[in-house]
Amino acid sequence: MLRSLLALLPLLVTACAPMPPAETASAEEPGVVCEREIRTGSHMTSKHCRSAEQRDKERAEAQSFGDSVRATPPGGQAPGR
């Protein structure tokens, strides 16, 4: 039994190794900015490349969501629903 555990040990160790982040775009493209982001609850970073249009769209969506959360009364529904 000890031999089988020792034989499986290298497989278990390599299965837990972090994978390198995938390249999604080149930062050399005009208007593309790449950022390293840390996900909540993790120490691992990931690289995200976005164009100016994508960043503006995400920013507007986040602003809209924040506005709807602030407009919702406690325990109530959002206006217009």
PDB file of N, CA and C in Angstrom:
ATOM      1  N   MET A   1       0.822  -1.195   0.000  1.00  0.00           N
ATOM      2  CA  MET A   1       0.000   0.000   0.000  1.00  0.00           C
ATOM      3  C   MET A   1       0.868   1.262   0.000  1.00  0.00           C
ATOM      4  N   LEU A   2       1.937   1.225   0.733  1.00  0.00           N
ATOM      5  CA  LEU A   2       2.835   2.373   0.777  1.00  0.00           C
ATOM      6  C   LEU A   2       3.447   2.636  -0.589  1.00  0.00           C
ATOM      7  N   ARG A   3       3.759   1.581  -1.319  1.00  0.00           N
ATOM      8  CA  ARG A   3       4.324   1.751  -2.657  1.00  0.00           C
ATOM      9  C   ARG A   3       3.322   2.429  -3.597  1.00  0.00           C
ATOM     10  N   SER A   4       2.050   2.021  -3.496  1.00  0.00           N
ATOM     11  CA  SER A   4       1.053   2.634  -4.377  1.00  0.00           C
ATOM     12  C   SER A   4       0.859   4.111  -4.037  1.00  0.00           C
ATOM     13  N   LEU A   5       0.911   4.461  -2.759  1.00  0.00           N
ATOM     14  CA  LEU A   5       0.805   5.869  -2.373  1.00  0.00           C
ATOM     15  C   LEU A   5       2.003   6.665  -2.869  1.00  0.00           C
ATOM     16  N   LEU A   6       3.194   6.076  -2.760  1.00  0.00           N
ATOM     17  CA  LEU A   6       4.385   6.764  -3.245  1.00  0.00           C
ATOM     18  C   LEU A   6       4.364   6.889  -4.766  1.00  0.00           C
ATOM     19  N   ALA A   7       3.766   5.935  -5.450  1.00  0.00           N
ATOM     20  CA  ALA A   7       3.678   5.998  -6.907  1.00  0.00           C
ATOM     21  C   ALA A   7       2.700   7.090  -7.345  1.00  0.00           C
ATOM     22  N   LEU A   8       1.645   7.316  -6.560  1.00  0.00           N
ATOM     23  CA  LEU A   8       0.646   8.334  -6.899  1.00  0.00           C
ATOM     24  C   LEU A   8       1.048   9.740  -6.457  1.00  0.00           C
ATOM     25  N   LEU A   9       1.988   9.849  -5.561  1.00  0.00           N
ATOM     26  CA  LEU A   9       2.386  11.157  -5.027  1.00  0.00           C
ATOM     27  C   LEU A   9       2.816  12.140  -6.120  1.00  0.00           C
ATOM     28  N   PRO A  10       3.655  11.773  -7.090  1.00  0.00           N
ATOM     29  CA  PRO A  10       4.018  12.746  -8.135  1.00  0.00           C
ATOM     30  C   PRO A  10       2.818  13.219  -8.952  1.00  0.00           C
ATOM     31  N   LEU A  11       1.855  12.341  -9.184  1.00  0.00           N
ATOM     32  CA  LEU A  11       0.661  12.749  -9.926  1.00  0.00           C
ATOM     33  C   LEU A  11      -0.157  13.764  -9.145  1.00  0.00           C
ATOM     34  N   LEU A  12      -0.277  13.538  -7.858  1.00  0.00           N
ATOM     35  CA  LEU A  12      -1.039  14.468  -7.030  1.00  0.00           C
ATOM     36  C   LEU A  12      -0.360  15.834  -6.941  1.00  0.00           C
ATOM     37  N   VAL A  13       0.938  15.846  -6.862  1.00  0.00           N
ATOM     38  CA  VAL A  13       1.666  17.107  -6.750  1.00  0.00           C
ATOM     39  C   VAL A  13       1.563  17.900  -8.049  1.00  0.00           C
ATOM     40  N   THR A  14       1.698  17.242  -9.188  1.00  0.00           N
ATOM     41  CA  THR A  14       1.631  17.969 -10.450  1.00  0.00           C
ATOM     42  C   THR A  14       0.204  18.395 -10.786  1.00  0.00           C
ATOM     43  N   ALA A  15      -0.787  17.697 -10.281  1.00  0.00           N
ATOM     44  CA  ALA A  15      -2.179  18.081 -10.529  1.00  0.00           C
ATOM     45  C   ALA A  15      -2.516  19.377  -9.819  1.00  0.00           C
ATOM     46  N   CYS A  16      -1.832  19.680  -8.739  1.00  0.00           N
ATOM     47  CA  CYS A  16      -2.100  20.897  -7.973  1.00  0.00           C
ATOM     48  C   CYS A  16      -1.275  22.090  -8.440  1.00  0.00           C
ATOM     49  N   ALA A  17      -0.407  21.898  -9.400  1.00  0.00           N
ATOM     50  CA  ALA A  17       0.435  22.987  -9.880  1.00  0.00           C
ATOM     51  C   ALA A  17      -0.414  24.016 -10.622  1.00  0.00           C
ATOM     52  N   PRO A  18      -0.152  25.308 -10.405  1.00  0.00           N
ATOM     53  CA  PRO A  18      -0.936  26.338 -11.089  1.00  0.00           C
ATOM     54  C   PRO A  18      -0.646  26.359 -12.584  1.00  0.00           C
ATOM     55  N   MET A  19      -1.673  26.641 -13.353  1.00  0.00           N
ATOM     56  CA  MET A  19      -1.527  26.743 -14.797  1.00  0.00           C
ATOM     57  C   MET A  19      -1.148  28.174 -15.152  1.00  0.00           C
ATOM     58  N   PRO A  20      -0.291  28.385 -16.127  1.00  0.00           N
ATOM     59  CA  PRO A  20       0.046  29.751 -16.532  1.00  0.00           C
ATOM     60  C   PRO A  20      -1.178  30.416 -17.170  1.00  0.00           C
ATOM     61  N   PRO A  21      -1.362  31.723 -16.941  1.00  0.00           N
ATOM     62  CA  PRO A  21      -2.515  32.399 -17.533  1.00  0.00           C
ATOM     63  C   PRO A  21      -2.443  32.397 -19.052  1.00  0.00           C
ATOM     64  N   ALA A  22      -3.589  32.268 -19.670  1.00  0.00           N
ATOM     65  CA  ALA A  22      -3.650  32.229 -21.128  1.00  0.00           C
ATOM     66  C   ALA A  22      -3.509  33.639 -21.691  1.00  0.00           C
ATOM     67  N   GLU A  23      -2.840  33.738 -22.800  1.00  0.00           N
ATOM     68  CA  GLU A  23      -2.710  35.014 -23.487  1.00  0.00           C
ATOM     69  C   GLU A  23      -3.969  35.236 -24.317  1.00  0.00           C
ATOM     70  N   THR A  24      -4.669  36.336 -24.074  1.00  0.00           N
ATOM     71  CA  THR A  24      -5.903  36.582 -24.801  1.00  0.00           C
ATOM     72  C   THR A  24      -5.709  37.581 -25.931  1.00  0.00           C
ATOM     73  N   ALA A  25      -4.769  38.467 -25.804  1.00  0.00           N
ATOM     74  CA  ALA A  25      -4.515  39.457 -26.850  1.00  0.00           C
ATOM     75  C   ALA A  25      -3.132  40.047 -26.627  1.00  0.00           C
ATOM     76  N   SER A  26      -2.671  40.721 -27.611  1.00  0.00           N
ATOM     77  CA  SER A  26      -1.373  41.366 -27.511  1.00  0.00           C
ATOM     78  C   SER A  26      -1.564  42.816 -27.102  1.00  0.00           C
ATOM     79  N   ALA A  27      -0.763  43.259 -26.154  1.00  0.00           N
ATOM     80  CA  ALA A  27      -0.858  44.642 -25.699  1.00  0.00           C
ATOM     81  C   ALA A  27      -0.341  45.613 -26.755  1.00  0.00           C
ATOM     82  N   GLU A  28       0.259  45.089 -27.807  1.00  0.00           N
ATOM     83  CA  GLU A  28       0.796  45.949 -28.848  1.00  0.00           C
ATOM     84  C   GLU A  28      -0.272  46.421 -29.828  1.00  0.00           C
ATOM     85  N   GLU A  29      -1.468  45.832 -29.764  1.00  0.00           N
ATOM     86  CA  GLU A  29      -2.551  46.285 -30.622  1.00  0.00           C
ATOM     87  C   GLU A  29      -2.975  47.676 -30.166  1.00  0.00           C
ATOM     88  N   PRO A  30      -3.315  48.556 -31.087  1.00  0.00           N
ATOM     89  CA  PRO A  30      -3.695  49.909 -30.676  1.00  0.00           C
ATOM     90  C   PRO A  30      -4.988  49.896 -29.860  1.00  0.00           C
ATOM     91  N   GLY A  31      -4.960  50.609 -28.750  1.00  0.00           N
ATOM     92  CA  GLY A  31      -6.146  50.738 -27.909  1.00  0.00           C
ATOM     93  C   GLY A  31      -6.382  49.577 -26.966  1.00  0.00           C
ATOM     94  N   VAL A  32      -5.517  48.573 -26.965  1.00  0.00           N
ATOM     95  CA  VAL A  32      -5.680  47.415 -26.081  1.00  0.00           C
ATOM     96  C   VAL A  32      -4.766  47.580 -24.878  1.00  0.00           C
ATOM     97  N   VAL A  33      -5.351  47.421 -23.697  1.00  0.00           N
ATOM     98  CA  VAL A  33      -4.589  47.512 -22.461  1.00  0.00           C
ATOM     99  C   VAL A  33      -4.751  46.199 -21.722  1.00  0.00           C
ATOM    100  N   CYS A  34      -3.638  45.608 -21.285  1.00  0.00           N
ATOM    101  CA  CYS A  34      -3.668  44.354 -20.536  1.00  0.00           C
ATOM    102  C   CYS A  34      -3.397  44.654 -19.066  1.00  0.00           C
ATOM    103  N   GLU A  35      -4.181  44.015 -18.205  1.00  0.00           N
ATOM    104  CA  GLU A  35      -4.032  44.196 -16.765  1.00  0.00           C
ATOM    105  C   GLU A  35      -3.994  42.832 -16.090  1.00  0.00           C
ATOM    106  N   ARG A  36      -3.250  42.747 -15.015  1.00  0.00           N
ATOM    107  CA  ARG A  36      -3.257  41.545 -14.184  1.00  0.00           C
ATOM    108  C   ARG A  36      -4.277  41.791 -13.082  1.00  0.00           C
ATOM    109  N   GLU A  37      -5.203  40.850 -12.929  1.00  0.00           N
ATOM    110  CA  GLU A  37      -6.259  40.983 -11.933  1.00  0.00           C
ATOM    111  C   GLU A  37      -6.204  39.798 -10.979  1.00  0.00           C
ATOM    112  N   ILE A  38      -6.497  40.068  -9.714  1.00  0.00           N
ATOM    113  CA  ILE A  38      -6.568  39.024  -8.695  1.00  0.00           C
ATOM    114  C   ILE A  38      -8.035  38.808  -8.376  1.00  0.00           C
ATOM    115  N   ARG A  39      -8.503  37.586  -8.568  1.00  0.00           N
ATOM    116  CA  ARG A  39      -9.903  37.271  -8.276  1.00  0.00           C
ATOM    117  C   ARG A  39     -10.123  37.254  -6.777  1.00  0.00           C
ATOM    118  N   THR A  40     -11.293  37.637  -6.368  1.00  0.00           N
ATOM    119  CA  THR A  40     -11.649  37.628  -4.951  1.00  0.00           C
ATOM    120  C   THR A  40     -11.557  36.202  -4.416  1.00  0.00           C
ATOM    121  N   GLY A  41     -10.879  36.049  -3.278  1.00  0.00           N
ATOM    122  CA  GLY A  41     -10.739  34.739  -2.667  1.00  0.00           C
ATOM    123  C   GLY A  41      -9.595  33.923  -3.219  1.00  0.00           C
ATOM    124  N   SER A  42      -8.740  34.528  -4.030  1.00  0.00           N
ATOM    125  CA  SER A  42      -7.634  33.796  -4.623  1.00  0.00           C
ATOM    126  C   SER A  42      -6.386  34.671  -4.613  1.00  0.00           C
ATOM    127  N   HIS A  43      -5.244  34.022  -4.607  1.00  0.00           N
ATOM    128  CA  HIS A  43      -3.980  34.748  -4.704  1.00  0.00           C
ATOM    129  C   HIS A  43      -3.424  34.695  -6.118  1.00  0.00           C
ATOM    130  N   MET A  44      -4.104  33.963  -6.987  1.00  0.00           N
ATOM    131  CA  MET A  44      -3.631  33.808  -8.356  1.00  0.00           C
ATOM    132  C   MET A  44      -4.095  34.988  -9.206  1.00  0.00           C
ATOM    133  N   THR A  45      -3.227  35.427 -10.093  1.00  0.00           N
ATOM    134  CA  THR A  45      -3.582  36.525 -10.986  1.00  0.00           C
ATOM    135  C   THR A  45      -3.943  35.980 -12.355  1.00  0.00           C
ATOM    136  N   SER A  46      -4.697  36.766 -13.085  1.00  0.00           N
ATOM    137  CA  SER A  46      -4.997  36.429 -14.465  1.00  0.00           C
ATOM    138  C   SER A  46      -4.839  37.692 -15.294  1.00  0.00           C
ATOM    139  N   LYS A  47      -4.438  37.516 -16.523  1.00  0.00           N
ATOM    140  CA  LYS A  47      -4.187  38.643 -17.414  1.00  0.00           C
ATOM    141  C   LYS A  47      -5.410  38.858 -18.286  1.00  0.00           C
ATOM    142  N   HIS A  48      -5.937  40.077 -18.277  1.00  0.00           N
ATOM    143  CA  HIS A  48      -7.093  40.415 -19.091  1.00  0.00           C
ATOM    144  C   HIS A  48      -6.723  41.584 -19.994  1.00  0.00           C
ATOM    145  N   CYS A  49      -6.911  41.401 -21.280  1.00  0.00           N
ATOM    146  CA  CYS A  49      -6.642  42.449 -22.257  1.00  0.00           C
ATOM    147  C   CYS A  49      -7.970  42.928 -22.823  1.00  0.00           C
ATOM    148  N   ARG A  50      -8.180  44.256 -22.786  1.00  0.00           N
ATOM    149  CA  ARG A  50      -9.441  44.821 -23.255  1.00  0.00           C
ATOM    150  C   ARG A  50      -9.167  46.055 -24.095  1.00  0.00           C
ATOM    151  N   SER A  51     -10.060  46.256 -25.053  1.00  0.00           N
ATOM    152  CA  SER A  51      -9.982  47.469 -25.856  1.00  0.00           C
ATOM    153  C   SER A  51     -10.642  48.603 -25.083  1.00  0.00           C
ATOM    154  N   ALA A  52     -10.463  49.810 -25.561  1.00  0.00           N
ATOM    155  CA  ALA A  52     -11.077  50.962 -24.911  1.00  0.00           C
ATOM    156  C   ALA A  52     -12.602  50.840 -24.930  1.00  0.00           C
ATOM    157  N   GLU A  53     -13.157  50.320 -26.014  1.00  0.00           N
ATOM    158  CA  GLU A  53     -14.610  50.143 -26.105  1.00  0.00           C
ATOM    159  C   GLU A  53     -15.111  49.154 -25.060  1.00  0.00           C
ATOM    160  N   GLN A  54     -14.397  48.039 -24.874  1.00  0.00           N
ATOM    161  CA  GLN A  54     -14.799  47.039 -23.886  1.00  0.00           C
ATOM    162  C   GLN A  54     -14.721  47.601 -22.474  1.00  0.00           C
ATOM    163  N   ARG A  55     -13.641  48.352 -22.184  1.00  0.00           N
ATOM    164  CA  ARG A  55     -13.500  48.947 -20.846  1.00  0.00           C
ATOM    165  C   ARG A  55     -14.627  49.936 -20.575  1.00  0.00           C
ATOM    166  N   ASP A  56     -14.961  50.773 -21.574  1.00  0.00           N
ATOM    167  CA  ASP A  56     -16.036  51.747 -21.407  1.00  0.00           C
ATOM    168  C   ASP A  56     -17.378  51.057 -21.190  1.00  0.00           C
ATOM    169  N   LYS A  57     -17.622  49.977 -21.936  1.00  0.00           N
ATOM    170  CA  LYS A  57     -18.875  49.237 -21.791  1.00  0.00           C
ATOM    171  C   LYS A  57     -18.973  48.613 -20.399  1.00  0.00           C
ATOM    172  N   GLU A  58     -17.900  47.980 -19.929  1.00  0.00           N
ATOM    173  CA  GLU A  58     -17.902  47.377 -18.596  1.00  0.00           C
ATOM    174  C   GLU A  58     -18.079  48.430 -17.514  1.00  0.00           C
ATOM    175  N   ARG A  59     -17.438  49.577 -17.683  1.00  0.00           N
ATOM    176  CA  ARG A  59     -17.571  50.653 -16.709  1.00  0.00           C
ATOM    177  C   ARG A  59     -19.012  51.160 -16.653  1.00  0.00           C
ATOM    178  N   ALA A  60     -19.648  51.315 -17.823  1.00  0.00           N
ATOM    179  CA  ALA A  60     -21.044  51.778 -17.874  1.00  0.00           C
ATOM    180  C   ALA A  60     -21.983  50.747 -17.248  1.00  0.00           C
ATOM    181  N   GLU A  61     -21.749  49.453 -17.502  1.00  0.00           N
ATOM    182  CA  GLU A  61     -22.577  48.410 -16.908  1.00  0.00           C
ATOM    183  C   GLU A  61     -22.435  48.393 -15.391  1.00  0.00           C
ATOM    184  N   ALA A  62     -21.214  48.556 -14.889  1.00  0.00           N
ATOM    185  CA  ALA A  62     -20.990  48.584 -13.447  1.00  0.00           C
ATOM    186  C   ALA A  62     -21.665  49.801 -12.827  1.00  0.00           C
ATOM    187  N   GLN A  63     -21.573  50.939 -13.497  1.00  0.00           N
ATOM    188  CA  GLN A  63     -22.211  52.157 -13.002  1.00  0.00           C
ATOM    189  C   GLN A  63     -23.730  51.981 -12.959  1.00  0.00           C
ATOM    190  N   SER A  64     -24.293  51.392 -14.011  1.00  0.00           N
ATOM    191  CA  SER A  64     -25.732  51.160 -14.081  1.00  0.00           C
ATOM    192  C   SER A  64     -26.185  50.218 -12.967  1.00  0.00           C
ATOM    193  N   PHE A  65     -25.419  49.159 -12.726  1.00  0.00           N
ATOM    194  CA  PHE A  65     -25.761  48.218 -11.661  1.00  0.00           C
ATOM    195  C   PHE A  65     -25.702  48.912 -10.301  1.00  0.00           C
ATOM    196  N   GLY A  66     -24.656  49.693 -10.070  1.00  0.00           N
ATOM    197  CA  GLY A  66     -24.533  50.418  -8.806  1.00  0.00           C
ATOM    198  C   GLY A  66     -25.684  51.389  -8.593  1.00  0.00           C
ATOM    199  N   ASP A  67     -26.082  52.074  -9.671  1.00  0.00           N
ATOM    200  CA  ASP A  67     -27.210  53.003  -9.569  1.00  0.00           C
ATOM    201  C   ASP A  67     -28.494  52.265  -9.215  1.00  0.00           C
ATOM    202  N   SER A  68     -28.712  51.079  -9.818  1.00  0.00           N
ATOM    203  CA  SER A  68     -29.936  50.333  -9.534  1.00  0.00           C
ATOM    204  C   SER A  68     -29.939  49.802  -8.109  1.00  0.00           C
ATOM    205  N   VAL A  69     -28.780  49.433  -7.585  1.00  0.00           N
ATOM    206  CA  VAL A  69     -28.698  48.957  -6.203  1.00  0.00           C
ATOM    207  C   VAL A  69     -28.998  50.097  -5.239  1.00  0.00           C
ATOM    208  N   ARG A  70     -28.452  51.274  -5.519  1.00  0.00           N
ATOM    209  CA  ARG A  70     -28.693  52.417  -4.631  1.00  0.00           C
ATOM    210  C   ARG A  70     -30.145  52.890  -4.706  1.00  0.00           C
ATOM    211  N   ALA A  71     -30.810  52.682  -5.843  1.00  0.00           N
ATOM    212  CA  ALA A  71     -32.184  53.130  -6.020  1.00  0.00           C
ATOM    213  C   ALA A  71     -33.195  52.159  -5.409  1.00  0.00           C
ATOM    214  N   THR A  72     -32.766  50.952  -5.078  1.00  0.00           N
ATOM    215  CA  THR A  72     -33.675  49.959  -4.514  1.00  0.00           C
ATOM    216  C   THR A  72     -33.878  50.234  -3.031  1.00  0.00           C
ATOM    217  N   PRO A  73     -35.133  50.408  -2.595  1.00  0.00           N
ATOM    218  CA  PRO A  73     -35.370  50.620  -1.169  1.00  0.00           C
ATOM    219  C   PRO A  73     -35.086  49.341  -0.387  1.00  0.00           C
ATOM    220  N   PRO A  74     -34.680  49.448   0.867  1.00  0.00           N
ATOM    221  CA  PRO A  74     -34.408  48.253   1.672  1.00  0.00           C
ATOM    222  C   PRO A  74     -35.648  47.352   1.751  1.00  0.00           C
ATOM    223  N   GLY A  75     -35.470  46.104   1.393  1.00  0.00           N
ATOM    224  CA  GLY A  75     -36.560  45.138   1.445  1.00  0.00           C
ATOM    225  C   GLY A  75     -37.565  45.283   0.312  1.00  0.00           C
ATOM    226  N   GLY A  76     -37.319  46.172  -0.607  1.00  0.00           N
ATOM    227  CA  GLY A  76     -38.261  46.408  -1.698  1.00  0.00           C
ATOM    228  C   GLY A  76     -37.725  45.970  -3.026  1.00  0.00           C
ATOM    229  N   GLN A  77     -38.498  46.237  -4.052  1.00  0.00           N
ATOM    230  CA  GLN A  77     -38.079  45.912  -5.405  1.00  0.00           C
ATOM    231  C   GLN A  77     -37.566  47.166  -6.092  1.00  0.00           C
ATOM    232  N   ALA A  78     -36.782  46.955  -7.102  1.00  0.00           N
ATOM    233  CA  ALA A  78     -36.244  48.074  -7.873  1.00  0.00           C
ATOM    234  C   ALA A  78     -37.385  48.788  -8.575  1.00  0.00           C
ATOM    235  N   PRO A  79     -37.279  50.099  -8.761  1.00  0.00           N
ATOM    236  CA  PRO A  79     -38.319  50.824  -9.469  1.00  0.00           C
ATOM    237  C   PRO A  79     -38.500  50.273 -10.881  1.00  0.00           C
ATOM    238  N   GLY A  80     -39.762  50.193 -11.321  1.00  0.00           N
ATOM    239  CA  GLY A  80     -40.046  49.724 -12.663  1.00  0.00           C
ATOM    240  C   GLY A  80     -40.123  48.213 -12.777  1.00  0.00           C
ATOM    241  N   ARG A  81     -40.136  47.497 -11.671  1.00  0.00           N
ATOM    242  CA  ARG A  81     -40.226  46.027 -11.731  1.00  0.00           C
ATOM    243  C   ARG A  81     -41.503  45.545 -11.114  1.00  0.00           C
TER     244      ARG A  81
END
